[in-house]
Amino acid sequence: MNQWLSAVFTHPDLVGGAAIAAKTTVIYFFLVAGLRLMGKRELGQMNIYDLVLIIVLANAVQNSMVGSDSSLVGGIIAALTLLFWNRLLTLAMSRSSRLEHVMVGEPTLLVNDGAMIESHMRKEGVTPEQILAALREHGIKSVADARMCVLEVDGTISVVPSQVVIQRSRHHYRGLRLP
């Protein structure tokens, strides 16, 4: 019991704690940049492979943040460092539209007046099948019936139906008030 208590409640010295905080800082900014470079679509459409990637990333960087220090205090230092930098980055983005634009990006037009914009789709890594799936989710049968599709900064695809589809919807739902 005494060995367990001493193992759990040992703590790094000041230099060891500062090293944990410094390594955690480097890992935080490396992962933020890496995940940002993955693109919007990957973050918005998380699948089983992405979940595995996140779990393995967490395991891989854990050792580089705290090293052989498995103490409670070492873990708390790493966690507090991550929370600190995340809060600071969030505050900085709320005060700087330029930083927010770099970190978050901006929406991308994928379909305009019923036509796919292939250069935008290629740049964002969006396939025609993904656009068709988004159209189906919004009850639209074909790309020609979409006024526009927008890849939002969170990775979702917003769809605005064409005026023809809106008119058909009004006729179909007579008792419903539509704008």
N, C-alpha and C. Protein backbone atom coordinates (compact mmCIF):
# COMPACT_ATOMS: atom_id res chain seq x y z
N MET A 1 0.82 -1.20 0.00
CA MET A 1 0.00 0.00 0.00
C MET A 1 0.86 1.25 0.00
N ASN A 2 1.91 1.24 0.82
CA ASN A 2 2.81 2.38 0.89
C ASN A 2 3.50 2.64 -0.44
N GLN A 3 3.89 1.56 -1.16
CA GLN A 3 4.53 1.71 -2.47
C GLN A 3 3.56 2.34 -3.47
N TRP A 4 2.30 1.91 -3.41
CA TRP A 4 1.30 2.44 -4.32
C TRP A 4 1.10 3.93 -4.08
N LEU A 5 0.96 4.32 -2.81
CA LEU A 5 0.78 5.73 -2.48
C LEU A 5 1.96 6.58 -2.92
N SER A 6 3.16 6.08 -2.71
CA SER A 6 4.33 6.86 -3.11
C SER A 6 4.44 6.94 -4.63
N ALA A 7 4.02 5.89 -5.34
CA ALA A 7 4.06 5.92 -6.82
C ALA A 7 3.04 6.90 -7.37
N VAL A 8 1.87 6.96 -6.78
CA VAL A 8 0.81 7.84 -7.29
C VAL A 8 1.07 9.29 -6.91
N PHE A 9 1.53 9.53 -5.71
CA PHE A 9 1.65 10.90 -5.23
C PHE A 9 3.07 11.45 -5.28
N THR A 10 3.96 10.80 -6.01
CA THR A 10 5.26 11.43 -6.23
C THR A 10 5.04 12.58 -7.21
N HIS A 11 6.00 13.44 -7.30
CA HIS A 11 5.84 14.56 -8.22
C HIS A 11 7.19 14.93 -8.82
N PRO A 12 7.14 15.51 -10.00
CA PRO A 12 8.38 15.95 -10.62
C PRO A 12 8.91 17.18 -9.89
N ASP A 13 10.22 17.37 -9.96
CA ASP A 13 10.77 18.60 -9.40
C ASP A 13 10.41 19.76 -10.32
N LEU A 14 10.83 20.95 -9.98
CA LEU A 14 10.47 22.14 -10.75
C LEU A 14 10.95 22.04 -12.19
N VAL A 15 12.17 21.57 -12.39
CA VAL A 15 12.72 21.43 -13.75
C VAL A 15 11.94 20.36 -14.52
N GLY A 16 11.62 19.25 -13.86
CA GLY A 16 10.85 18.19 -14.50
C GLY A 16 9.45 18.66 -14.88
N GLY A 17 8.82 19.43 -14.00
CA GLY A 17 7.50 19.98 -14.29
C GLY A 17 7.54 20.97 -15.45
N ALA A 18 8.57 21.80 -15.48
CA ALA A 18 8.72 22.76 -16.59
C ALA A 18 8.98 22.02 -17.90
N ALA A 19 9.73 20.93 -17.85
CA ALA A 19 9.99 20.13 -19.06
C ALA A 19 8.69 19.51 -19.57
N ILE A 20 7.87 19.01 -18.67
CA ILE A 20 6.58 18.43 -19.08
C ILE A 20 5.73 19.51 -19.76
N ALA A 21 5.66 20.70 -19.15
CA ALA A 21 4.87 21.79 -19.72
C ALA A 21 5.41 22.20 -21.09
N ALA A 22 6.72 22.29 -21.23
CA ALA A 22 7.31 22.69 -22.51
C ALA A 22 7.05 21.64 -23.59
N LYS A 23 7.23 20.36 -23.27
CA LYS A 23 6.99 19.31 -24.26
C LYS A 23 5.51 19.24 -24.63
N THR A 24 4.65 19.42 -23.66
CA THR A 24 3.21 19.41 -23.92
C THR A 24 2.82 20.57 -24.83
N THR A 25 3.44 21.73 -24.64
CA THR A 25 3.18 22.89 -25.48
C THR A 25 3.55 22.60 -26.94
N VAL A 26 4.73 22.02 -27.15
CA VAL A 26 5.16 21.68 -28.51
C VAL A 26 4.20 20.69 -29.15
N ILE A 27 3.82 19.66 -28.41
CA ILE A 27 2.89 18.65 -28.93
C ILE A 27 1.54 19.28 -29.25
N TYR A 28 1.04 20.16 -28.40
CA TYR A 28 -0.26 20.81 -28.63
C TYR A 28 -0.26 21.56 -29.96
N PHE A 29 0.73 22.42 -30.15
CA PHE A 29 0.76 23.22 -31.37
C PHE A 29 1.05 22.37 -32.61
N PHE A 30 1.84 21.32 -32.46
CA PHE A 30 2.07 20.40 -33.57
C PHE A 30 0.77 19.72 -33.99
N LEU A 31 -0.01 19.25 -33.03
CA LEU A 31 -1.27 18.58 -33.34
C LEU A 31 -2.32 19.55 -33.89
N VAL A 32 -2.38 20.77 -33.36
CA VAL A 32 -3.32 21.76 -33.88
C VAL A 32 -3.00 22.04 -35.35
N ALA A 33 -1.72 22.25 -35.65
CA ALA A 33 -1.33 22.51 -37.04
C ALA A 33 -1.60 21.29 -37.92
N GLY A 34 -1.26 20.12 -37.44
CA GLY A 34 -1.48 18.90 -38.22
C GLY A 34 -2.94 18.64 -38.51
N LEU A 35 -3.79 18.80 -37.51
CA LEU A 35 -5.22 18.59 -37.71
C LEU A 35 -5.82 19.67 -38.60
N ARG A 36 -5.31 20.88 -38.50
CA ARG A 36 -5.79 21.97 -39.38
C ARG A 36 -5.43 21.68 -40.83
N LEU A 37 -4.24 21.13 -41.06
CA LEU A 37 -3.81 20.82 -42.43
C LEU A 37 -4.58 19.64 -43.03
N MET A 38 -5.19 18.81 -42.18
CA MET A 38 -5.98 17.68 -42.70
C MET A 38 -7.15 18.17 -43.54
N GLY A 39 -7.67 19.33 -43.25
CA GLY A 39 -8.78 19.87 -44.02
C GLY A 39 -10.09 19.78 -43.28
N LYS A 40 -11.06 20.55 -43.76
CA LYS A 40 -12.36 20.63 -43.11
C LYS A 40 -13.14 19.33 -43.22
N ARG A 41 -13.11 18.73 -44.38
CA ARG A 41 -13.97 17.57 -44.61
C ARG A 41 -13.59 16.42 -43.69
N GLU A 42 -12.29 16.19 -43.47
CA GLU A 42 -11.88 15.09 -42.61
C GLU A 42 -12.37 15.28 -41.18
N LEU A 43 -12.39 16.50 -40.71
CA LEU A 43 -12.84 16.73 -39.35
C LEU A 43 -14.35 16.63 -39.23
N GLY A 44 -15.07 16.97 -40.28
CA GLY A 44 -16.53 16.92 -40.23
C GLY A 44 -17.10 15.54 -40.42
N GLN A 45 -16.38 14.66 -41.09
CA GLN A 45 -16.87 13.33 -41.39
C GLN A 45 -15.99 12.30 -40.69
N MET A 46 -16.08 12.20 -39.41
CA MET A 46 -15.25 11.28 -38.66
C MET A 46 -15.78 9.85 -38.83
N ASN A 47 -14.90 8.95 -39.25
CA ASN A 47 -15.28 7.55 -39.39
C ASN A 47 -14.42 6.72 -38.44
N ILE A 48 -14.54 5.43 -38.53
CA ILE A 48 -13.81 4.53 -37.60
C ILE A 48 -12.30 4.72 -37.72
N TYR A 49 -11.81 4.96 -38.93
CA TYR A 49 -10.37 5.15 -39.11
C TYR A 49 -9.89 6.43 -38.43
N ASP A 50 -10.73 7.48 -38.49
CA ASP A 50 -10.37 8.72 -37.83
C ASP A 50 -10.37 8.56 -36.31
N LEU A 51 -11.33 7.80 -35.79
CA LEU A 51 -11.38 7.53 -34.35
C LEU A 51 -10.12 6.78 -33.91
N VAL A 52 -9.73 5.79 -34.68
CA VAL A 52 -8.50 5.03 -34.37
C VAL A 52 -7.31 5.98 -34.41
N LEU A 53 -7.26 6.86 -35.41
CA LEU A 53 -6.16 7.82 -35.52
C LEU A 53 -6.08 8.70 -34.27
N ILE A 54 -7.21 9.21 -33.81
CA ILE A 54 -7.22 10.07 -32.62
C ILE A 54 -6.73 9.30 -31.39
N ILE A 55 -7.20 8.07 -31.23
CA ILE A 55 -6.79 7.27 -30.07
C ILE A 55 -5.30 6.98 -30.12
N VAL A 56 -4.80 6.58 -31.29
CA VAL A 56 -3.38 6.27 -31.43
C VAL A 56 -2.53 7.53 -31.27
N LEU A 57 -3.00 8.65 -31.81
CA LEU A 57 -2.28 9.91 -31.62
C LEU A 57 -2.16 10.25 -30.14
N ALA A 58 -3.26 10.11 -29.42
CA ALA A 58 -3.23 10.41 -27.98
C ALA A 58 -2.22 9.53 -27.26
N ASN A 59 -2.21 8.26 -27.60
CA ASN A 59 -1.27 7.35 -26.97
C ASN A 59 0.17 7.68 -27.37
N ALA A 60 0.37 8.01 -28.65
CA ALA A 60 1.72 8.29 -29.14
C ALA A 60 2.31 9.54 -28.48
N VAL A 61 1.52 10.59 -28.35
CA VAL A 61 2.06 11.83 -27.82
C VAL A 61 2.10 11.86 -26.30
N GLN A 62 1.36 11.01 -25.66
CA GLN A 62 1.36 10.98 -24.20
C GLN A 62 2.77 10.76 -23.66
N ASN A 63 3.46 9.80 -24.23
CA ASN A 63 4.82 9.51 -23.76
C ASN A 63 5.77 10.67 -24.04
N SER A 64 5.58 11.34 -25.17
CA SER A 64 6.49 12.44 -25.47
C SER A 64 6.20 13.67 -24.61
N MET A 65 5.02 13.75 -24.03
CA MET A 65 4.71 14.89 -23.17
C MET A 65 5.24 14.68 -21.76
N VAL A 66 5.03 13.51 -21.19
CA VAL A 66 5.40 13.30 -19.80
C VAL A 66 6.59 12.38 -19.62
N GLY A 67 7.03 11.72 -20.70
CA GLY A 67 8.18 10.83 -20.60
C GLY A 67 7.93 9.69 -19.64
N SER A 68 8.87 9.41 -18.81
CA SER A 68 8.73 8.31 -17.86
C SER A 68 8.00 8.73 -16.58
N ASP A 69 7.63 10.00 -16.50
CA ASP A 69 6.93 10.49 -15.32
C ASP A 69 5.47 10.02 -15.38
N SER A 70 5.11 9.11 -14.52
CA SER A 70 3.73 8.61 -14.49
C SER A 70 3.01 9.08 -13.23
N SER A 71 3.52 10.17 -12.66
CA SER A 71 2.92 10.67 -11.43
C SER A 71 1.64 11.44 -11.71
N LEU A 72 0.84 11.55 -10.69
CA LEU A 72 -0.40 12.31 -10.76
C LEU A 72 -0.10 13.78 -11.09
N VAL A 73 0.89 14.33 -10.44
CA VAL A 73 1.24 15.74 -10.66
C VAL A 73 1.72 15.95 -12.09
N GLY A 74 2.51 15.02 -12.62
CA GLY A 74 2.97 15.12 -14.01
C GLY A 74 1.80 15.13 -14.98
N GLY A 75 0.81 14.27 -14.76
CA GLY A 75 -0.37 14.24 -15.60
C GLY A 75 -1.18 15.52 -15.49
N ILE A 76 -1.28 16.03 -14.28
CA ILE A 76 -2.01 17.29 -14.08
C ILE A 76 -1.29 18.45 -14.77
N ILE A 77 0.04 18.48 -14.70
CA ILE A 77 0.79 19.53 -15.39
C ILE A 77 0.52 19.47 -16.90
N ALA A 78 0.55 18.27 -17.47
CA ALA A 78 0.29 18.12 -18.91
C ALA A 78 -1.13 18.55 -19.24
N ALA A 79 -2.11 18.13 -18.44
CA ALA A 79 -3.51 18.49 -18.69
C ALA A 79 -3.72 19.99 -18.56
N LEU A 80 -3.16 20.60 -17.53
CA LEU A 80 -3.31 22.05 -17.34
C LEU A 80 -2.65 22.82 -18.47
N THR A 81 -1.52 22.33 -18.95
CA THR A 81 -0.85 22.98 -20.07
C THR A 81 -1.73 22.94 -21.32
N LEU A 82 -2.32 21.78 -21.61
CA LEU A 82 -3.21 21.65 -22.76
C LEU A 82 -4.42 22.58 -22.62
N LEU A 83 -5.03 22.60 -21.44
CA LEU A 83 -6.19 23.47 -21.21
C LEU A 83 -5.81 24.95 -21.33
N PHE A 84 -4.66 25.30 -20.80
CA PHE A 84 -4.18 26.68 -20.87
C PHE A 84 -4.02 27.13 -22.32
N TRP A 85 -3.28 26.36 -23.12
CA TRP A 85 -3.03 26.75 -24.51
C TRP A 85 -4.32 26.75 -25.32
N ASN A 86 -5.20 25.80 -25.05
CA ASN A 86 -6.46 25.77 -25.79
C ASN A 86 -7.29 27.01 -25.48
N ARG A 87 -7.35 27.39 -24.21
CA ARG A 87 -8.10 28.59 -23.82
C ARG A 87 -7.47 29.84 -24.42
N LEU A 88 -6.14 29.93 -24.37
CA LEU A 88 -5.44 31.09 -24.91
C LEU A 88 -5.65 31.20 -26.42
N LEU A 89 -5.59 30.09 -27.12
CA LEU A 89 -5.81 30.09 -28.57
C LEU A 89 -7.24 30.50 -28.89
N THR A 90 -8.20 30.01 -28.12
CA THR A 90 -9.60 30.38 -28.33
C THR A 90 -9.80 31.88 -28.10
N LEU A 91 -9.22 32.42 -27.05
CA LEU A 91 -9.32 33.86 -26.79
C LEU A 91 -8.65 34.66 -27.90
N ALA A 92 -7.49 34.23 -28.34
CA ALA A 92 -6.77 34.94 -29.41
C ALA A 92 -7.60 34.95 -30.69
N MET A 93 -8.23 33.81 -31.00
CA MET A 93 -9.06 33.75 -32.22
C MET A 93 -10.30 34.63 -32.10
N SER A 94 -10.85 34.75 -30.90
CA SER A 94 -12.04 35.60 -30.74
C SER A 94 -11.68 37.07 -30.88
N ARG A 95 -10.43 37.43 -30.69
CA ARG A 95 -10.01 38.82 -30.79
C ARG A 95 -9.35 39.15 -32.12
N SER A 96 -8.96 38.13 -32.88
CA SER A 96 -8.28 38.37 -34.15
C SER A 96 -8.96 37.59 -35.26
N SER A 97 -9.67 38.32 -36.12
CA SER A 97 -10.35 37.64 -37.23
C SER A 97 -9.33 37.03 -38.18
N ARG A 98 -8.17 37.62 -38.27
CA ARG A 98 -7.11 37.08 -39.15
C ARG A 98 -6.64 35.72 -38.63
N LEU A 99 -6.38 35.61 -37.33
CA LEU A 99 -5.96 34.34 -36.74
C LEU A 99 -7.08 33.31 -36.87
N GLU A 100 -8.32 33.74 -36.62
CA GLU A 100 -9.45 32.82 -36.75
C GLU A 100 -9.55 32.30 -38.18
N HIS A 101 -9.34 33.17 -39.15
CA HIS A 101 -9.39 32.75 -40.55
C HIS A 101 -8.31 31.72 -40.85
N VAL A 102 -7.11 31.93 -40.32
CA VAL A 102 -6.01 30.98 -40.54
C VAL A 102 -6.30 29.64 -39.87
N MET A 103 -6.81 29.69 -38.64
CA MET A 103 -7.02 28.46 -37.88
C MET A 103 -8.30 27.72 -38.27
N VAL A 104 -9.37 28.46 -38.55
CA VAL A 104 -10.66 27.84 -38.80
C VAL A 104 -10.94 27.73 -40.29
N GLY A 105 -10.49 28.70 -41.05
CA GLY A 105 -10.76 28.70 -42.48
C GLY A 105 -12.06 29.41 -42.79
N GLU A 106 -12.55 29.20 -43.99
CA GLU A 106 -13.81 29.82 -44.40
C GLU A 106 -14.62 28.81 -45.21
N PRO A 107 -15.92 29.03 -45.29
CA PRO A 107 -16.75 28.10 -46.07
C PRO A 107 -16.31 28.08 -47.54
N THR A 108 -16.55 26.95 -48.19
CA THR A 108 -16.17 26.78 -49.59
C THR A 108 -17.39 26.39 -50.41
N LEU A 109 -17.63 27.13 -51.48
CA LEU A 109 -18.74 26.84 -52.37
C LEU A 109 -18.39 25.62 -53.23
N LEU A 110 -19.22 24.58 -53.17
CA LEU A 110 -18.98 23.34 -53.91
C LEU A 110 -19.92 23.17 -55.10
N VAL A 111 -21.14 23.69 -54.97
CA VAL A 111 -22.12 23.63 -56.05
C VAL A 111 -22.72 25.02 -56.19
N ASN A 112 -22.79 25.51 -57.43
CA ASN A 112 -23.38 26.82 -57.69
C ASN A 112 -24.36 26.68 -58.84
N ASP A 113 -25.61 27.01 -58.59
CA ASP A 113 -26.68 26.93 -59.59
C ASP A 113 -26.71 25.59 -60.30
N GLY A 114 -26.67 24.52 -59.53
CA GLY A 114 -26.82 23.18 -60.08
C GLY A 114 -25.57 22.59 -60.72
N ALA A 115 -24.44 23.26 -60.61
CA ALA A 115 -23.20 22.75 -61.22
C ALA A 115 -22.13 22.58 -60.15
N MET A 116 -21.51 21.39 -60.13
CA MET A 116 -20.42 21.15 -59.18
C MET A 116 -19.19 21.96 -59.60
N ILE A 117 -18.52 22.51 -58.61
CA ILE A 117 -17.28 23.26 -58.86
C ILE A 117 -16.13 22.31 -58.53
N GLU A 118 -15.67 21.61 -59.55
CA GLU A 118 -14.71 20.53 -59.35
C GLU A 118 -13.38 21.00 -58.75
N SER A 119 -12.92 22.20 -59.11
CA SER A 119 -11.65 22.68 -58.55
C SER A 119 -11.77 22.87 -57.04
N HIS A 120 -12.91 23.37 -56.57
CA HIS A 120 -13.13 23.54 -55.12
C HIS A 120 -13.26 22.18 -54.44
N MET A 121 -13.95 21.26 -55.10
CA MET A 121 -14.12 19.92 -54.54
C MET A 121 -12.77 19.22 -54.40
N ARG A 122 -11.95 19.33 -55.43
CA ARG A 122 -10.63 18.69 -55.40
C ARG A 122 -9.77 19.29 -54.29
N LYS A 123 -9.79 20.62 -54.18
CA LYS A 123 -8.99 21.31 -53.14
C LYS A 123 -9.40 20.86 -51.75
N GLU A 124 -10.70 20.65 -51.53
CA GLU A 124 -11.22 20.30 -50.21
C GLU A 124 -11.31 18.78 -50.00
N GLY A 125 -11.04 17.99 -51.03
CA GLY A 125 -11.11 16.54 -50.88
C GLY A 125 -12.52 16.02 -50.77
N VAL A 126 -13.46 16.67 -51.46
CA VAL A 126 -14.86 16.27 -51.44
C VAL A 126 -15.17 15.56 -52.75
N THR A 127 -15.81 14.41 -52.66
CA THR A 127 -16.17 13.63 -53.85
C THR A 127 -17.60 13.95 -54.28
N PRO A 128 -17.92 13.68 -55.54
CA PRO A 128 -19.31 13.86 -55.98
C PRO A 128 -20.29 13.01 -55.15
N GLU A 129 -19.86 11.83 -54.73
CA GLU A 129 -20.72 10.97 -53.91
C GLU A 129 -21.06 11.63 -52.58
N GLN A 130 -20.11 12.35 -52.00
CA GLN A 130 -20.39 13.04 -50.74
C GLN A 130 -21.39 14.18 -50.94
N ILE A 131 -21.29 14.87 -52.07
CA ILE A 131 -22.26 15.92 -52.36
C ILE A 131 -23.64 15.32 -52.58
N LEU A 132 -23.70 14.22 -53.33
CA LEU A 132 -24.99 13.57 -53.56
C LEU A 132 -25.61 13.08 -52.25
N ALA A 133 -24.77 12.59 -51.34
CA ALA A 133 -25.28 12.15 -50.03
C ALA A 133 -25.84 13.34 -49.25
N ALA A 134 -25.15 14.48 -49.30
CA ALA A 134 -25.65 15.68 -48.61
C ALA A 134 -26.96 16.15 -49.23
N LEU A 135 -27.08 16.06 -50.54
CA LEU A 135 -28.33 16.43 -51.21
C LEU A 135 -29.46 15.52 -50.75
N ARG A 136 -29.20 14.22 -50.69
CA ARG A 136 -30.24 13.28 -50.24
C ARG A 136 -30.66 13.57 -48.81
N GLU A 137 -29.70 13.90 -47.95
CA GLU A 137 -30.02 14.24 -46.56
C GLU A 137 -30.96 15.43 -46.48
N HIS A 138 -30.90 16.31 -47.48
CA HIS A 138 -31.74 17.50 -47.50
C HIS A 138 -32.97 17.31 -48.39
N GLY A 139 -33.21 16.08 -48.83
CA GLY A 139 -34.39 15.78 -49.62
C GLY A 139 -34.33 16.27 -51.06
N ILE A 140 -33.15 16.47 -51.57
CA ILE A 140 -32.98 16.94 -52.95
C ILE A 140 -32.46 15.78 -53.79
N LYS A 141 -33.09 15.58 -54.95
CA LYS A 141 -32.80 14.39 -55.76
C LYS A 141 -31.58 14.52 -56.65
N SER A 142 -31.27 15.71 -57.15
CA SER A 142 -30.14 15.84 -58.07
C SER A 142 -29.42 17.15 -57.86
N VAL A 143 -28.20 17.21 -58.37
CA VAL A 143 -27.39 18.42 -58.25
C VAL A 143 -28.08 19.58 -58.96
N ALA A 144 -28.77 19.30 -60.04
CA ALA A 144 -29.47 20.35 -60.80
C ALA A 144 -30.52 21.06 -59.94
N ASP A 145 -31.01 20.39 -58.90
CA ASP A 145 -32.03 20.97 -58.02
C ASP A 145 -31.42 21.75 -56.85
N ALA A 146 -30.10 21.91 -56.85
CA ALA A 146 -29.44 22.64 -55.77
C ALA A 146 -28.99 24.01 -56.26
N ARG A 147 -29.40 25.03 -55.55
CA ARG A 147 -28.91 26.37 -55.87
C ARG A 147 -27.44 26.47 -55.49
N MET A 148 -27.13 25.94 -54.29
CA MET A 148 -25.73 25.88 -53.87
C MET A 148 -25.53 24.85 -52.77
N CYS A 149 -24.30 24.35 -52.71
CA CYS A 149 -23.84 23.50 -51.61
C CYS A 149 -22.57 24.14 -51.09
N VAL A 150 -22.46 24.23 -49.78
CA VAL A 150 -21.33 24.90 -49.16
C VAL A 150 -20.69 23.97 -48.15
N LEU A 151 -19.39 23.79 -48.27
CA LEU A 151 -18.63 23.06 -47.26
C LEU A 151 -18.34 24.04 -46.13
N GLU A 152 -18.98 23.83 -44.99
CA GLU A 152 -18.82 24.73 -43.85
C GLU A 152 -17.49 24.47 -43.15
N VAL A 153 -17.08 25.38 -42.29
CA VAL A 153 -15.78 25.24 -41.62
C VAL A 153 -15.73 24.05 -40.68
N ASP A 154 -16.90 23.55 -40.26
CA ASP A 154 -16.92 22.38 -39.37
C ASP A 154 -16.94 21.07 -40.15
N GLY A 155 -16.89 21.14 -41.49
CA GLY A 155 -16.83 19.94 -42.31
C GLY A 155 -18.18 19.46 -42.81
N THR A 156 -19.26 20.08 -42.39
CA THR A 156 -20.58 19.69 -42.88
C THR A 156 -20.86 20.39 -44.21
N ILE A 157 -21.78 19.81 -44.98
CA ILE A 157 -22.17 20.42 -46.25
C ILE A 157 -23.58 20.97 -46.10
N SER A 158 -23.71 22.29 -46.25
CA SER A 158 -25.02 22.94 -46.24
C SER A 158 -25.55 22.95 -47.67
N VAL A 159 -26.86 22.80 -47.81
CA VAL A 159 -27.49 22.76 -49.13
C VAL A 159 -28.61 23.78 -49.18
N VAL A 160 -28.62 24.58 -50.24
CA VAL A 160 -29.71 25.51 -50.49
C VAL A 160 -30.39 25.04 -51.77
N PRO A 161 -31.68 24.68 -51.69
CA PRO A 161 -32.37 24.19 -52.89
C PRO A 161 -32.62 25.32 -53.89
N SER A 162 -32.78 24.93 -55.14
CA SER A 162 -33.11 25.91 -56.17
C SER A 162 -34.54 26.40 -55.97
N GLN A 163 -34.88 27.48 -56.60
CA GLN A 163 -36.21 28.07 -56.48
C GLN A 163 -37.27 27.08 -56.97
N VAL A 164 -36.95 26.28 -57.98
CA VAL A 164 -37.89 25.31 -58.52
C VAL A 164 -38.27 24.29 -57.45
N VAL A 165 -37.29 23.82 -56.70
CA VAL A 165 -37.55 22.84 -55.63
C VAL A 165 -38.40 23.48 -54.54
N ILE A 166 -38.13 24.73 -54.22
CA ILE A 166 -38.90 25.42 -53.19
C ILE A 166 -40.35 25.55 -53.65
N GLN A 167 -40.57 25.90 -54.92
CA GLN A 167 -41.93 26.03 -55.44
C GLN A 167 -42.66 24.69 -55.37
N ARG A 168 -41.97 23.59 -55.77
CA ARG A 168 -42.58 22.26 -55.69
C ARG A 168 -42.93 21.92 -54.25
N SER A 169 -42.06 22.28 -53.31
CA SER A 169 -42.31 21.99 -51.90
C SER A 169 -43.54 22.75 -51.41
N ARG A 170 -43.69 23.99 -51.84
CA ARG A 170 -44.86 24.77 -51.43
C ARG A 170 -46.13 24.12 -51.95
N HIS A 171 -46.08 23.66 -53.17
CA HIS A 171 -47.25 23.01 -53.76
C HIS A 171 -47.54 21.69 -53.05
N HIS A 172 -46.51 20.95 -52.74
CA HIS A 172 -46.66 19.64 -52.11
C HIS A 172 -47.20 19.76 -50.68
N TYR A 173 -46.76 20.78 -49.97
CA TYR A 173 -47.18 20.97 -48.58
C TYR A 173 -48.11 22.18 -48.50
N ARG A 174 -49.29 22.04 -49.05
CA ARG A 174 -50.21 23.19 -49.15
C ARG A 174 -50.56 23.78 -47.80
N GLY A 175 -50.76 22.96 -46.79
CA GLY A 175 -51.18 23.47 -45.50
C GLY A 175 -50.06 24.07 -44.69
N LEU A 176 -48.82 23.93 -45.15
CA LEU A 176 -47.66 24.41 -44.41
C LEU A 176 -47.27 25.79 -44.90
N ARG A 177 -46.93 26.67 -44.00
CA ARG A 177 -46.45 27.99 -44.39
C ARG A 177 -44.95 27.92 -44.59
N LEU A 178 -44.53 28.20 -45.79
CA LEU A 178 -43.09 28.23 -46.11
C LEU A 178 -42.72 29.65 -46.49
N PRO A 179 -41.50 30.02 -46.24
CA PRO A 179 -41.08 31.39 -46.57
C PRO A 179 -41.09 31.64 -48.07
